[in-house]
Structures are given as C-alpha cells and as structure tokens.
Amino acid sequence: MEKHAKVVVIGGGVVGCSILFHLAKFGLKNCILLERKELTSGSSWHAAGNVHVISNDPNISRLMAYTIRLYKEIEETSGHSTGFKPSGGFYLASNEIWADYLKRERSKARYMGLDQE
C-alpha cells in the first residue's frame, strides 16, 4: 500500500468511486481510494438501479442525466461493464391534476433531450 498520496478518498461507494474517477479524468495523479470491504457494497448496493432523470429540481434532473451518461463513459473508458441497464419507466395519471403534472414532466424531458413518449 502507498504511504503517501495527494488525495485520499475514503469510502468506495458510488460517491467515492465517482470522485476518484473524476480526479483521474482531470489528470490528478497519486490518488488512492480506501474501502473497508468491497466497492459499492454499502448503501450504493442497496440503491442500485434507482436512477430517475426527471425531478422537481432541475439541478437534480441534470445531475441524474449526467449520471446516466457517466455510466456509459465508464464502460467505454475502462472496457468493463458497470452492469447498468437503463430500462425506463412509466407513470399513470389517476386524475386531471396528475395528468397535468405528467404533461409538464414530459415537457421537461423533451427540453432536456430525453427519450420519452
């Protein structure tokens, strides 16, 4: 194990792994990640696959859209599968209020360039 590092990332969950990936992507060297068990075996594992793009907060929507693109980039960069398989989803409106809400959400998705029907 290295004795010195410029950056030490503690925790190999989705956030820690993302931080280390981005540090390397932007050229920072001599960085290590410390994890007490297996990578993404904690909370990240329990939330696996829960990536929703549309949110009431446009910043969260942009972050989630970036996350989906990032999974593809990681696979292309590393040559390994992340196991992420976007499957989509659907919502049903049970009344006019929900129907109007879903129409607004569809407009947001179109604005963000997301596939939707």
PDB file of N, CA and C in Angstrom:
ATOM      1  N   MET A   1       0.849  -1.188   0.000  1.00  0.00           N
ATOM      2  CA  MET A   1       0.000   0.000   0.000  1.00  0.00           C
ATOM      3  C   MET A   1       0.888   1.243   0.000  1.00  0.00           C
ATOM      4  N   GLU A   2       0.453   2.230  -0.722  1.00  0.00           N
ATOM      5  CA  GLU A   2       1.177   3.503  -0.779  1.00  0.00           C
ATOM      6  C   GLU A   2       1.205   4.153   0.607  1.00  0.00           C
ATOM      7  N   LYS A   3       2.286   4.878   0.881  1.00  0.00           N
ATOM      8  CA  LYS A   3       2.392   5.586   2.159  1.00  0.00           C
ATOM      9  C   LYS A   3       2.068   7.059   2.027  1.00  0.00           C
ATOM     10  N   HIS A   4       2.112   7.583   0.801  1.00  0.00           N
ATOM     11  CA  HIS A   4       1.849   8.996   0.564  1.00  0.00           C
ATOM     12  C   HIS A   4       0.928   9.139  -0.643  1.00  0.00           C
ATOM     13  N   ALA A   5       0.034  10.107  -0.559  1.00  0.00           N
ATOM     14  CA  ALA A   5      -0.864  10.393  -1.684  1.00  0.00           C
ATOM     15  C   ALA A   5      -1.257  11.858  -1.628  1.00  0.00           C
ATOM     16  N   LYS A   6      -1.509  12.430  -2.797  1.00  0.00           N
ATOM     17  CA  LYS A   6      -2.008  13.807  -2.831  1.00  0.00           C
ATOM     18  C   LYS A   6      -3.442  13.862  -2.339  1.00  0.00           C
ATOM     19  N   VAL A   7      -4.233  12.852  -2.729  1.00  0.00           N
ATOM     20  CA  VAL A   7      -5.645  12.799  -2.343  1.00  0.00           C
ATOM     21  C   VAL A   7      -5.957  11.391  -1.869  1.00  0.00           C
ATOM     22  N   VAL A   8      -6.641  11.297  -0.738  1.00  0.00           N
ATOM     23  CA  VAL A   8      -7.138  10.021  -0.237  1.00  0.00           C
ATOM     24  C   VAL A   8      -8.657  10.120  -0.183  1.00  0.00           C
ATOM     25  N   VAL A   9      -9.317   9.268  -0.929  1.00  0.00           N
ATOM     26  CA  VAL A   9     -10.779   9.210  -0.926  1.00  0.00           C
ATOM     27  C   VAL A   9     -11.164   8.065  -0.005  1.00  0.00           C
ATOM     28  N   ILE A  10     -11.974   8.364   0.989  1.00  0.00           N
ATOM     29  CA  ILE A  10     -12.382   7.343   1.950  1.00  0.00           C
ATOM     30  C   ILE A  10     -13.801   6.913   1.621  1.00  0.00           C
ATOM     31  N   GLY A  11     -13.938   5.644   1.313  1.00  0.00           N
ATOM     32  CA  GLY A  11     -15.244   5.076   1.006  1.00  0.00           C
ATOM     33  C   GLY A  11     -15.382   4.762  -0.468  1.00  0.00           C
ATOM     34  N   GLY A  12     -15.614   3.496  -0.754  1.00  0.00           N
ATOM     35  CA  GLY A  12     -15.732   3.038  -2.134  1.00  0.00           C
ATOM     36  C   GLY A  12     -17.160   2.859  -2.578  1.00  0.00           C
ATOM     37  N   GLY A  13     -18.018   3.758  -2.124  1.00  0.00           N
ATOM     38  CA  GLY A  13     -19.392   3.760  -2.617  1.00  0.00           C
ATOM     39  C   GLY A  13     -19.464   4.516  -3.923  1.00  0.00           C
ATOM     40  N   VAL A  14     -20.662   4.769  -4.361  1.00  0.00           N
ATOM     41  CA  VAL A  14     -20.832   5.433  -5.653  1.00  0.00           C
ATOM     42  C   VAL A  14     -20.209   6.830  -5.641  1.00  0.00           C
ATOM     43  N   VAL A  15     -20.281   7.539  -4.533  1.00  0.00           N
ATOM     44  CA  VAL A  15     -19.711   8.890  -4.472  1.00  0.00           C
ATOM     45  C   VAL A  15     -18.186   8.824  -4.464  1.00  0.00           C
ATOM     46  N   GLY A  16     -17.618   7.978  -3.611  1.00  0.00           N
ATOM     47  CA  GLY A  16     -16.167   7.857  -3.557  1.00  0.00           C
ATOM     48  C   GLY A  16     -15.572   7.401  -4.876  1.00  0.00           C
ATOM     49  N   CYS A  17     -16.196   6.406  -5.500  1.00  0.00           N
ATOM     50  CA  CYS A  17     -15.710   5.923  -6.804  1.00  0.00           C
ATOM     51  C   CYS A  17     -15.827   7.007  -7.865  1.00  0.00           C
ATOM     52  N   SER A  18     -16.910   7.765  -7.822  1.00  0.00           N
ATOM     53  CA  SER A  18     -17.095   8.849  -8.788  1.00  0.00           C
ATOM     54  C   SER A  18     -16.036   9.930  -8.597  1.00  0.00           C
ATOM     55  N   ILE A  19     -15.754  10.270  -7.351  1.00  0.00           N
ATOM     56  CA  ILE A  19     -14.729  11.284  -7.078  1.00  0.00           C
ATOM     57  C   ILE A  19     -13.379  10.827  -7.625  1.00  0.00           C
ATOM     58  N   LEU A  20     -13.005   9.585  -7.342  1.00  0.00           N
ATOM     59  CA  LEU A  20     -11.720   9.081  -7.824  1.00  0.00           C
ATOM     60  C   LEU A  20     -11.679   9.047  -9.355  1.00  0.00           C
ATOM     61  N   PHE A  21     -12.757   8.620  -9.989  1.00  0.00           N
ATOM     62  CA  PHE A  21     -12.835   8.589 -11.456  1.00  0.00           C
ATOM     63  C   PHE A  21     -12.629   9.984 -12.026  1.00  0.00           C
ATOM     64  N   HIS A  22     -13.316  10.974 -11.453  1.00  0.00           N
ATOM     65  CA  HIS A  22     -13.212  12.339 -11.974  1.00  0.00           C
ATOM     66  C   HIS A  22     -11.832  12.952 -11.713  1.00  0.00           C
ATOM     67  N   LEU A  23     -11.232  12.646 -10.573  1.00  0.00           N
ATOM     68  CA  LEU A  23      -9.870  13.128 -10.326  1.00  0.00           C
ATOM     69  C   LEU A  23      -8.921  12.598 -11.400  1.00  0.00           C
ATOM     70  N   ALA A  24      -9.039  11.306 -11.703  1.00  0.00           N
ATOM     71  CA  ALA A  24      -8.189  10.713 -12.740  1.00  0.00           C
ATOM     72  C   ALA A  24      -8.514  11.297 -14.111  1.00  0.00           C
ATOM     73  N   LYS A  25      -9.783  11.485 -14.385  1.00  0.00           N
ATOM     74  CA  LYS A  25     -10.216  12.033 -15.679  1.00  0.00           C
ATOM     75  C   LYS A  25      -9.611  13.416 -15.914  1.00  0.00           C
ATOM     76  N   PHE A  26      -9.503  14.199 -14.848  1.00  0.00           N
ATOM     77  CA  PHE A  26      -8.963  15.549 -14.976  1.00  0.00           C
ATOM     78  C   PHE A  26      -7.452  15.604 -14.750  1.00  0.00           C
ATOM     79  N   GLY A  27      -6.810  14.425 -14.728  1.00  0.00           N
ATOM     80  CA  GLY A  27      -5.356  14.372 -14.743  1.00  0.00           C
ATOM     81  C   GLY A  27      -4.655  14.373 -13.398  1.00  0.00           C
ATOM     82  N   LEU A  28      -5.389  14.342 -12.300  1.00  0.00           N
ATOM     83  CA  LEU A  28      -4.732  14.319 -10.996  1.00  0.00           C
ATOM     84  C   LEU A  28      -4.168  12.927 -10.747  1.00  0.00           C
ATOM     85  N   LYS A  29      -2.907  12.876 -10.352  1.00  0.00           N
ATOM     86  CA  LYS A  29      -2.245  11.595 -10.115  1.00  0.00           C
ATOM     87  C   LYS A  29      -1.971  11.439  -8.625  1.00  0.00           C
ATOM     88  N   ASN A  30      -1.556  10.244  -8.260  1.00  0.00           N
ATOM     89  CA  ASN A  30      -1.205   9.931  -6.883  1.00  0.00           C
ATOM     90  C   ASN A  30      -2.413  10.061  -5.955  1.00  0.00           C
ATOM     91  N   CYS A  31      -3.529   9.475  -6.373  1.00  0.00           N
ATOM     92  CA  CYS A  31      -4.761   9.449  -5.577  1.00  0.00           C
ATOM     93  C   CYS A  31      -5.080   7.998  -5.244  1.00  0.00           C
ATOM     94  N   ILE A  32      -5.577   7.767  -4.050  1.00  0.00           N
ATOM     95  CA  ILE A  32      -5.980   6.410  -3.679  1.00  0.00           C
ATOM     96  C   ILE A  32      -7.370   6.440  -3.065  1.00  0.00           C
ATOM     97  N   LEU A  33      -8.006   5.294  -3.109  1.00  0.00           N
ATOM     98  CA  LEU A  33      -9.326   5.130  -2.512  1.00  0.00           C
ATOM     99  C   LEU A  33      -9.222   4.043  -1.455  1.00  0.00           C
ATOM    100  N   LEU A  34      -9.729   4.320  -0.266  1.00  0.00           N
ATOM    101  CA  LEU A  34      -9.730   3.338   0.816  1.00  0.00           C
ATOM    102  C   LEU A  34     -11.159   2.858   1.049  1.00  0.00           C
ATOM    103  N   GLU A  35     -11.329   1.544   1.071  1.00  0.00           N
ATOM    104  CA  GLU A  35     -12.638   0.937   1.321  1.00  0.00           C
ATOM    105  C   GLU A  35     -12.439  -0.226   2.279  1.00  0.00           C
ATOM    106  N   ARG A  36     -13.260  -0.326   3.303  1.00  0.00           N
ATOM    107  CA  ARG A  36     -13.057  -1.375   4.301  1.00  0.00           C
ATOM    108  C   ARG A  36     -13.549  -2.740   3.849  1.00  0.00           C
ATOM    109  N   LYS A  37     -14.484  -2.774   2.907  1.00  0.00           N
ATOM    110  CA  LYS A  37     -14.994  -4.062   2.412  1.00  0.00           C
ATOM    111  C   LYS A  37     -14.857  -4.091   0.898  1.00  0.00           C
ATOM    112  N   GLU A  38     -15.956  -4.394   0.208  1.00  0.00           N
ATOM    113  CA  GLU A  38     -15.957  -4.411  -1.256  1.00  0.00           C
ATOM    114  C   GLU A  38     -16.496  -3.097  -1.786  1.00  0.00           C
ATOM    115  N   LEU A  39     -16.037  -2.720  -2.985  1.00  0.00           N
ATOM    116  CA  LEU A  39     -16.548  -1.495  -3.610  1.00  0.00           C
ATOM    117  C   LEU A  39     -18.063  -1.575  -3.770  1.00  0.00           C
ATOM    118  N   THR A  40     -18.709  -0.489  -3.496  1.00  0.00           N
ATOM    119  CA  THR A  40     -20.170  -0.304  -3.620  1.00  0.00           C
ATOM    120  C   THR A  40     -20.976  -1.366  -2.882  1.00  0.00           C
ATOM    121  N   SER A  41     -20.438  -1.905  -1.795  1.00  0.00           N
ATOM    122  CA  SER A  41     -21.161  -2.942  -1.047  1.00  0.00           C
ATOM    123  C   SER A  41     -22.049  -2.363   0.050  1.00  0.00           C
ATOM    124  N   GLY A  42     -21.960  -1.054   0.279  1.00  0.00           N
ATOM    125  CA  GLY A  42     -22.776  -0.439   1.325  1.00  0.00           C
ATOM    126  C   GLY A  42     -24.079   0.094   0.776  1.00  0.00           C
ATOM    127  N   SER A  43     -24.346   1.348   1.036  1.00  0.00           N
ATOM    128  CA  SER A  43     -25.598   1.966   0.596  1.00  0.00           C
ATOM    129  C   SER A  43     -25.743   1.971  -0.914  1.00  0.00           C
ATOM    130  N   SER A  44     -24.648   2.107  -1.640  1.00  0.00           N
ATOM    131  CA  SER A  44     -24.713   2.123  -3.108  1.00  0.00           C
ATOM    132  C   SER A  44     -25.357   0.853  -3.641  1.00  0.00           C
ATOM    133  N   TRP A  45     -25.004  -0.280  -3.043  1.00  0.00           N
ATOM    134  CA  TRP A  45     -25.540  -1.553  -3.496  1.00  0.00           C
ATOM    135  C   TRP A  45     -27.048  -1.597  -3.296  1.00  0.00           C
ATOM    136  N   HIS A  46     -27.529  -1.065  -2.192  1.00  0.00           N
ATOM    137  CA  HIS A  46     -28.956  -1.118  -1.884  1.00  0.00           C
ATOM    138  C   HIS A  46     -29.783  -0.232  -2.800  1.00  0.00           C
ATOM    139  N   ALA A  47     -29.181   0.785  -3.369  1.00  0.00           N
ATOM    140  CA  ALA A  47     -29.914   1.712  -4.240  1.00  0.00           C
ATOM    141  C   ALA A  47     -29.628   1.453  -5.715  1.00  0.00           C
ATOM    142  N   ALA A  48     -29.001   0.343  -6.012  1.00  0.00           N
ATOM    143  CA  ALA A  48     -28.589   0.067  -7.394  1.00  0.00           C
ATOM    144  C   ALA A  48     -29.772   0.117  -8.348  1.00  0.00           C
ATOM    145  N   GLY A  49     -29.571   0.820  -9.443  1.00  0.00           N
ATOM    146  CA  GLY A  49     -30.592   0.870 -10.487  1.00  0.00           C
ATOM    147  C   GLY A  49     -31.633   1.945 -10.307  1.00  0.00           C
ATOM    148  N   ASN A  50     -31.592   2.662  -9.215  1.00  0.00           N
ATOM    149  CA  ASN A  50     -32.591   3.702  -8.977  1.00  0.00           C
ATOM    150  C   ASN A  50     -32.103   5.035  -9.525  1.00  0.00           C
ATOM    151  N   VAL A  51     -32.145   5.172 -10.830  1.00  0.00           N
ATOM    152  CA  VAL A  51     -31.732   6.416 -11.472  1.00  0.00           C
ATOM    153  C   VAL A  51     -32.942   6.991 -12.191  1.00  0.00           C
ATOM    154  N   HIS A  52     -33.484   8.048 -11.647  1.00  0.00           N
ATOM    155  CA  HIS A  52     -34.633   8.725 -12.241  1.00  0.00           C
ATOM    156  C   HIS A  52     -34.156  10.079 -12.739  1.00  0.00           C
ATOM    157  N   VAL A  53     -34.509  10.425 -13.948  1.00  0.00           N
ATOM    158  CA  VAL A  53     -33.974  11.649 -14.530  1.00  0.00           C
ATOM    159  C   VAL A  53     -34.821  12.867 -14.206  1.00  0.00           C
ATOM    160  N   ILE A  54     -36.103  12.736 -14.211  1.00  0.00           N
ATOM    161  CA  ILE A  54     -36.966  13.894 -14.008  1.00  0.00           C
ATOM    162  C   ILE A  54     -37.211  14.108 -12.514  1.00  0.00           C
ATOM    163  N   SER A  55     -36.998  15.338 -12.090  1.00  0.00           N
ATOM    164  CA  SER A  55     -37.189  15.732 -10.697  1.00  0.00           C
ATOM    165  C   SER A  55     -37.802  17.123 -10.680  1.00  0.00           C
ATOM    166  N   ASN A  56     -38.424  17.477  -9.575  1.00  0.00           N
ATOM    167  CA  ASN A  56     -38.945  18.840  -9.434  1.00  0.00           C
ATOM    168  C   ASN A  56     -37.822  19.868  -9.462  1.00  0.00           C
ATOM    169  N   ASP A  57     -36.630  19.445  -9.080  1.00  0.00           N
ATOM    170  CA  ASP A  57     -35.464  20.327  -9.062  1.00  0.00           C
ATOM    171  C   ASP A  57     -34.673  20.121 -10.357  1.00  0.00           C
ATOM    172  N   PRO A  58     -34.592  21.142 -11.219  1.00  0.00           N
ATOM    173  CA  PRO A  58     -33.882  20.966 -12.493  1.00  0.00           C
ATOM    174  C   PRO A  58     -32.407  20.619 -12.317  1.00  0.00           C
ATOM    175  N   ASN A  59     -31.796  21.054 -11.225  1.00  0.00           N
ATOM    176  CA  ASN A  59     -30.393  20.702 -10.982  1.00  0.00           C
ATOM    177  C   ASN A  59     -30.243  19.204 -10.735  1.00  0.00           C
ATOM    178  N   ILE A  60     -31.182  18.627  -9.998  1.00  0.00           N
ATOM    179  CA  ILE A  60     -31.159  17.182  -9.756  1.00  0.00           C
ATOM    180  C   ILE A  60     -31.386  16.439 -11.066  1.00  0.00           C
ATOM    181  N   SER A  61     -32.291  16.939 -11.893  1.00  0.00           N
ATOM    182  CA  SER A  61     -32.541  16.307 -13.197  1.00  0.00           C
ATOM    183  C   SER A  61     -31.276  16.306 -14.045  1.00  0.00           C
ATOM    184  N   ARG A  62     -30.558  17.422 -14.068  1.00  0.00           N
ATOM    185  CA  ARG A  62     -29.312  17.494 -14.836  1.00  0.00           C
ATOM    186  C   ARG A  62     -28.264  16.530 -14.272  1.00  0.00           C
ATOM    187  N   LEU A  63     -28.187  16.455 -12.945  1.00  0.00           N
ATOM    188  CA  LEU A  63     -27.234  15.550 -12.309  1.00  0.00           C
ATOM    189  C   LEU A  63     -27.548  14.099 -12.651  1.00  0.00           C
ATOM    190  N   MET A  64     -28.812  13.742 -12.621  1.00  0.00           N
ATOM    191  CA  MET A  64     -29.192  12.367 -12.930  1.00  0.00           C
ATOM    192  C   MET A  64     -28.936  12.041 -14.403  1.00  0.00           C
ATOM    193  N   ALA A  65     -29.217  12.981 -15.290  1.00  0.00           N
ATOM    194  CA  ALA A  65     -28.929  12.759 -16.716  1.00  0.00           C
ATOM    195  C   ALA A  65     -27.419  12.582 -16.915  1.00  0.00           C
ATOM    196  N   TYR A  66     -26.629  13.372 -16.194  1.00  0.00           N
ATOM    197  CA  TYR A  66     -25.171  13.238 -16.267  1.00  0.00           C
ATOM    198  C   TYR A  66     -24.744  11.857 -15.774  1.00  0.00           C
ATOM    199  N   THR A  67     -25.379  11.375 -14.719  1.00  0.00           N
ATOM    200  CA  THR A  67     -25.045  10.071 -14.158  1.00  0.00           C
ATOM    201  C   THR A  67     -25.233   8.968 -15.189  1.00  0.00           C
ATOM    202  N   ILE A  68     -26.322   9.024 -15.930  1.00  0.00           N
ATOM    203  CA  ILE A  68     -26.571   8.008 -16.955  1.00  0.00           C
ATOM    204  C   ILE A  68     -25.483   8.060 -18.028  1.00  0.00           C
ATOM    205  N   ARG A  69     -25.123   9.266 -18.450  1.00  0.00           N
ATOM    206  CA  ARG A  69     -24.041   9.407 -19.436  1.00  0.00           C
ATOM    207  C   ARG A  69     -22.709   8.911 -18.859  1.00  0.00           C
ATOM    208  N   LEU A  70     -22.505   9.154 -17.567  1.00  0.00           N
ATOM    209  CA  LEU A  70     -21.261   8.753 -16.910  1.00  0.00           C
ATOM    210  C   LEU A  70     -21.102   7.235 -16.892  1.00  0.00           C
ATOM    211  N   TYR A  71     -22.183   6.503 -16.629  1.00  0.00           N
ATOM    212  CA  TYR A  71     -22.094   5.037 -16.657  1.00  0.00           C
ATOM    213  C   TYR A  71     -21.590   4.557 -18.017  1.00  0.00           C
ATOM    214  N   LYS A  72     -22.086   5.153 -19.085  1.00  0.00           N
ATOM    215  CA  LYS A  72     -21.636   4.784 -20.434  1.00  0.00           C
ATOM    216  C   LYS A  72     -20.158   5.131 -20.617  1.00  0.00           C
ATOM    217  N   GLU A  73     -19.765   6.304 -20.140  1.00  0.00           N
ATOM    218  CA  GLU A  73     -18.368   6.730 -20.268  1.00  0.00           C
ATOM    219  C   GLU A  73     -17.434   5.803 -19.502  1.00  0.00           C
ATOM    220  N   ILE A  74     -17.840   5.398 -18.309  1.00  0.00           N
ATOM    221  CA  ILE A  74     -17.004   4.496 -17.507  1.00  0.00           C
ATOM    222  C   ILE A  74     -16.798   3.179 -18.245  1.00  0.00           C
ATOM    223  N   GLU A  75     -17.865   2.657 -18.844  1.00  0.00           N
ATOM    224  CA  GLU A  75     -17.735   1.410 -19.598  1.00  0.00           C
ATOM    225  C   GLU A  75     -16.793   1.580 -20.788  1.00  0.00           C
ATOM    226  N   GLU A  76     -16.932   2.693 -21.509  1.00  0.00           N
ATOM    227  CA  GLU A  76     -16.077   2.940 -22.674  1.00  0.00           C
ATOM    228  C   GLU A  76     -14.621   3.135 -22.259  1.00  0.00           C
ATOM    229  N   THR A  77     -14.402   3.856 -21.170  1.00  0.00           N
ATOM    230  CA  THR A  77     -13.046   4.153 -20.706  1.00  0.00           C
ATOM    231  C   THR A  77     -12.357   2.913 -20.148  1.00  0.00           C
ATOM    232  N   SER A  78     -13.093   2.142 -19.353  1.00  0.00           N
ATOM    233  CA  SER A  78     -12.491   1.005 -18.657  1.00  0.00           C
ATOM    234  C   SER A  78     -12.523  -0.289 -19.462  1.00  0.00           C
ATOM    235  N   GLY A  79     -13.467  -0.379 -20.396  1.00  0.00           N
ATOM    236  CA  GLY A  79     -13.632  -1.636 -21.118  1.00  0.00           C
ATOM    237  C   GLY A  79     -14.365  -2.689 -20.313  1.00  0.00           C
ATOM    238  N   HIS A  80     -14.935  -2.286 -19.180  1.00  0.00           N
ATOM    239  CA  HIS A  80     -15.677  -3.209 -18.319  1.00  0.00           C
ATOM    240  C   HIS A  80     -17.126  -2.756 -18.200  1.00  0.00           C
ATOM    241  N   SER A  81     -18.004  -3.712 -18.046  1.00  0.00           N
ATOM    242  CA  SER A  81     -19.416  -3.393 -17.874  1.00  0.00           C
ATOM    243  C   SER A  81     -19.676  -2.900 -16.454  1.00  0.00           C
ATOM    244  N   THR A  82     -20.474  -1.859 -16.324  1.00  0.00           N
ATOM    245  CA  THR A  82     -20.895  -1.408 -14.994  1.00  0.00           C
ATOM    246  C   THR A  82     -22.101  -2.206 -14.520  1.00  0.00           C
ATOM    247  N   GLY A  83     -22.751  -2.890 -15.443  1.00  0.00           N
ATOM    248  CA  GLY A  83     -23.964  -3.623 -15.097  1.00  0.00           C
ATOM    249  C   GLY A  83     -25.210  -2.764 -15.159  1.00  0.00           C
ATOM    250  N   PHE A  84     -25.025  -1.485 -15.471  1.00  0.00           N
ATOM    251  CA  PHE A  84     -26.172  -0.573 -15.532  1.00  0.00           C
ATOM    252  C   PHE A  84     -26.925  -0.799 -16.832  1.00  0.00           C
ATOM    253  N   LYS A  85     -28.223  -1.046 -16.710  1.00  0.00           N
ATOM    254  CA  LYS A  85     -29.077  -1.250 -17.870  1.00  0.00           C
ATOM    255  C   LYS A  85     -30.309  -0.368 -17.729  1.00  0.00           C
ATOM    256  N   PRO A  86     -30.300   0.797 -18.382  1.00  0.00           N
ATOM    257  CA  PRO A  86     -31.475   1.668 -18.281  1.00  0.00           C
ATOM    258  C   PRO A  86     -32.692   0.981 -18.887  1.00  0.00           C
ATOM    259  N   SER A  87     -33.730   0.909 -18.110  1.00  0.00           N
ATOM    260  CA  SER A  87     -34.920   0.187 -18.564  1.00  0.00           C
ATOM    261  C   SER A  87     -36.128   1.090 -18.740  1.00  0.00           C
ATOM    262  N   GLY A  88     -35.992   2.337 -18.350  1.00  0.00           N
ATOM    263  CA  GLY A  88     -37.127   3.247 -18.479  1.00  0.00           C
ATOM    264  C   GLY A  88     -38.133   3.048 -17.358  1.00  0.00           C
ATOM    265  N   GLY A  89     -39.256   3.641 -17.527  1.00  0.00           N
ATOM    266  CA  GLY A  89     -40.309   3.543 -16.527  1.00  0.00           C
ATOM    267  C   GLY A  89     -41.559   4.205 -17.063  1.00  0.00           C
ATOM    268  N   PHE A  90     -42.599   4.162 -16.277  1.00  0.00           N
ATOM    269  CA  PHE A  90     -43.823   4.825 -16.709  1.00  0.00           C
ATOM    270  C   PHE A  90     -44.618   5.304 -15.505  1.00  0.00           C
ATOM    271  N   TYR A  91     -45.449   6.280 -15.744  1.00  0.00           N
ATOM    272  CA  TYR A  91     -46.336   6.831 -14.732  1.00  0.00           C
ATOM    273  C   TYR A  91     -47.753   6.801 -15.278  1.00  0.00           C
ATOM    274  N   LEU A  92     -48.700   6.579 -14.416  1.00  0.00           N
ATOM    275  CA  LEU A  92     -50.108   6.622 -14.783  1.00  0.00           C
ATOM    276  C   LEU A  92     -50.788   7.732 -14.001  1.00  0.00           C
ATOM    277  N   ALA A  93     -51.610   8.501 -14.683  1.00  0.00           N
ATOM    278  CA  ALA A  93     -52.357   9.580 -14.029  1.00  0.00           C
ATOM    279  C   ALA A  93     -53.737   9.058 -13.652  1.00  0.00           C
ATOM    280  N   SER A  94     -54.093   9.239 -12.398  1.00  0.00           N
ATOM    281  CA  SER A  94     -55.405   8.777 -11.929  1.00  0.00           C
ATOM    282  C   SER A  94     -56.432   9.900 -11.890  1.00  0.00           C
ATOM    283  N   ASN A  95     -55.983  11.128 -12.160  1.00  0.00           N
ATOM    284  CA  ASN A  95     -56.922  12.253 -12.183  1.00  0.00           C
ATOM    285  C   ASN A  95     -56.311  13.386 -13.019  1.00  0.00           C
ATOM    286  N   GLU A  96     -57.069  14.448 -13.193  1.00  0.00           N
ATOM    287  CA  GLU A  96     -56.621  15.563 -14.039  1.00  0.00           C
ATOM    288  C   GLU A  96     -55.387  16.264 -13.481  1.00  0.00           C
ATOM    289  N   ILE A  97     -55.311  16.371 -12.166  1.00  0.00           N
ATOM    290  CA  ILE A  97     -54.152  17.032 -11.548  1.00  0.00           C
ATOM    291  C   ILE A  97     -52.876  16.283 -11.921  1.00  0.00           C
ATOM    292  N   TRP A  98     -52.910  14.963 -11.779  1.00  0.00           N
ATOM    293  CA  TRP A  98     -51.746  14.155 -12.134  1.00  0.00           C
ATOM    294  C   TRP A  98     -51.488  14.187 -13.635  1.00  0.00           C
ATOM    295  N   ALA A  99     -52.538  14.203 -14.438  1.00  0.00           N
ATOM    296  CA  ALA A  99     -52.366  14.268 -15.894  1.00  0.00           C
ATOM    297  C   ALA A  99     -51.650  15.559 -16.283  1.00  0.00           C
ATOM    298  N   ASP A 100     -52.056  16.671 -15.679  1.00  0.00           N
ATOM    299  CA  ASP A 100     -51.392  17.951 -15.952  1.00  0.00           C
ATOM    300  C   ASP A 100     -49.929  17.918 -15.505  1.00  0.00           C
ATOM    301  N   TYR A 101     -49.697  17.347 -14.334  1.00  0.00           N
ATOM    302  CA  TYR A 101     -48.333  17.221 -13.817  1.00  0.00           C
ATOM    303  C   TYR A 101     -47.463  16.417 -14.789  1.00  0.00           C
ATOM    304  N   LEU A 102     -47.988  15.289 -15.263  1.00  0.00           N
ATOM    305  CA  LEU A 102     -47.210  14.445 -16.168  1.00  0.00           C
ATOM    306  C   LEU A 102     -46.951  15.127 -17.508  1.00  0.00           C
ATOM    307  N   LYS A 103     -47.878  15.953 -17.950  1.00  0.00           N
ATOM    308  CA  LYS A 103     -47.652  16.718 -19.184  1.00  0.00           C
ATOM    309  C   LYS A 103     -46.494  17.697 -18.997  1.00  0.00           C
ATOM    310  N   ARG A 104     -46.448  18.328 -17.818  1.00  0.00           N
ATOM    311  CA  ARG A 104     -45.334  19.243 -17.529  1.00  0.00           C
ATOM    312  C   ARG A 104     -44.008  18.478 -17.473  1.00  0.00           C
ATOM    313  N   GLU A 105     -44.041  17.299 -16.867  1.00  0.00           N
ATOM    314  CA  GLU A 105     -42.828  16.483 -16.778  1.00  0.00           C
ATOM    315  C   GLU A 105     -42.360  16.050 -18.166  1.00  0.00           C
ATOM    316  N   ARG A 106     -43.300  15.732 -19.044  1.00  0.00           N
ATOM    317  CA  ARG A 106     -42.948  15.361 -20.412  1.00  0.00           C
ATOM    318  C   ARG A 106     -42.277  16.541 -21.117  1.00  0.00           C
ATOM    319  N   SER A 107     -42.795  17.745 -20.879  1.00  0.00           N
ATOM    320  CA  SER A 107     -42.177  18.937 -21.472  1.00  0.00           C
ATOM    321  C   SER A 107     -40.752  19.119 -20.969  1.00  0.00           C
ATOM    322  N   LYS A 108     -40.534  18.889 -19.672  1.00  0.00           N
ATOM    323  CA  LYS A 108     -39.179  18.975 -19.119  1.00  0.00           C
ATOM    324  C   LYS A 108     -38.258  17.967 -19.799  1.00  0.00           C
ATOM    325  N   ALA A 109     -38.754  16.743 -19.948  1.00  0.00           N
ATOM    326  CA  ALA A 109     -37.941  15.690 -20.558  1.00  0.00           C
ATOM    327  C   ALA A 109     -37.574  16.061 -21.992  1.00  0.00           C
ATOM    328  N   ARG A 110     -38.532  16.583 -22.728  1.00  0.00           N
ATOM    329  CA  ARG A 110     -38.251  16.997 -24.109  1.00  0.00           C
ATOM    330  C   ARG A 110     -37.210  18.114 -24.131  1.00  0.00           C
ATOM    331  N   TYR A 111     -37.345  19.070 -23.218  1.00  0.00           N
ATOM    332  CA  TYR A 111     -36.402  20.182 -23.138  1.00  0.00           C
ATOM    333  C   TYR A 111     -34.986  19.672 -22.878  1.00  0.00           C
ATOM    334  N   MET A 112     -34.878  18.635 -22.046  1.00  0.00           N
ATOM    335  CA  MET A 112     -33.574  18.072 -21.700  1.00  0.00           C
ATOM    336  C   MET A 112     -33.067  17.092 -22.758  1.00  0.00           C
ATOM    337  N   GLY A 113     -33.868  16.843 -23.795  1.00  0.00           N
ATOM    338  CA  GLY A 113     -33.448  15.936 -24.856  1.00  0.00           C
ATOM    339  C   GLY A 113     -33.523  14.472 -24.483  1.00  0.00           C
ATOM    340  N   LEU A 114     -34.415  14.135 -23.554  1.00  0.00           N
ATOM    341  CA  LEU A 114     -34.535  12.755 -23.093  1.00  0.00           C
ATOM    342  C   LEU A 114     -35.569  11.997 -23.906  1.00  0.00           C
ATOM    343  N   ASP A 115     -35.313  10.708 -24.087  1.00  0.00           N
ATOM    344  CA  ASP A 115     -36.289   9.859 -24.755  1.00  0.00           C
ATOM    345  C   ASP A 115     -37.513   9.713 -23.867  1.00  0.00           C
ATOM    346  N   GLN A 116     -38.659   9.929 -24.442  1.00  0.00           N
ATOM    347  CA  GLN A 116     -39.909   9.771 -23.698  1.00  0.00           C
ATOM    348  C   GLN A 116     -41.067   9.740 -24.673  1.00  0.00           C
ATOM    349  N   GLU A 117     -42.189   9.243 -24.194  1.00  0.00           N
ATOM    350  CA  GLU A 117     -43.406   9.216 -25.012  1.00  0.00           C
ATOM    351  C   GLU A 117     -44.553   9.776 -24.210  1.00  0.00           C
TER     352      GLU A 117
END
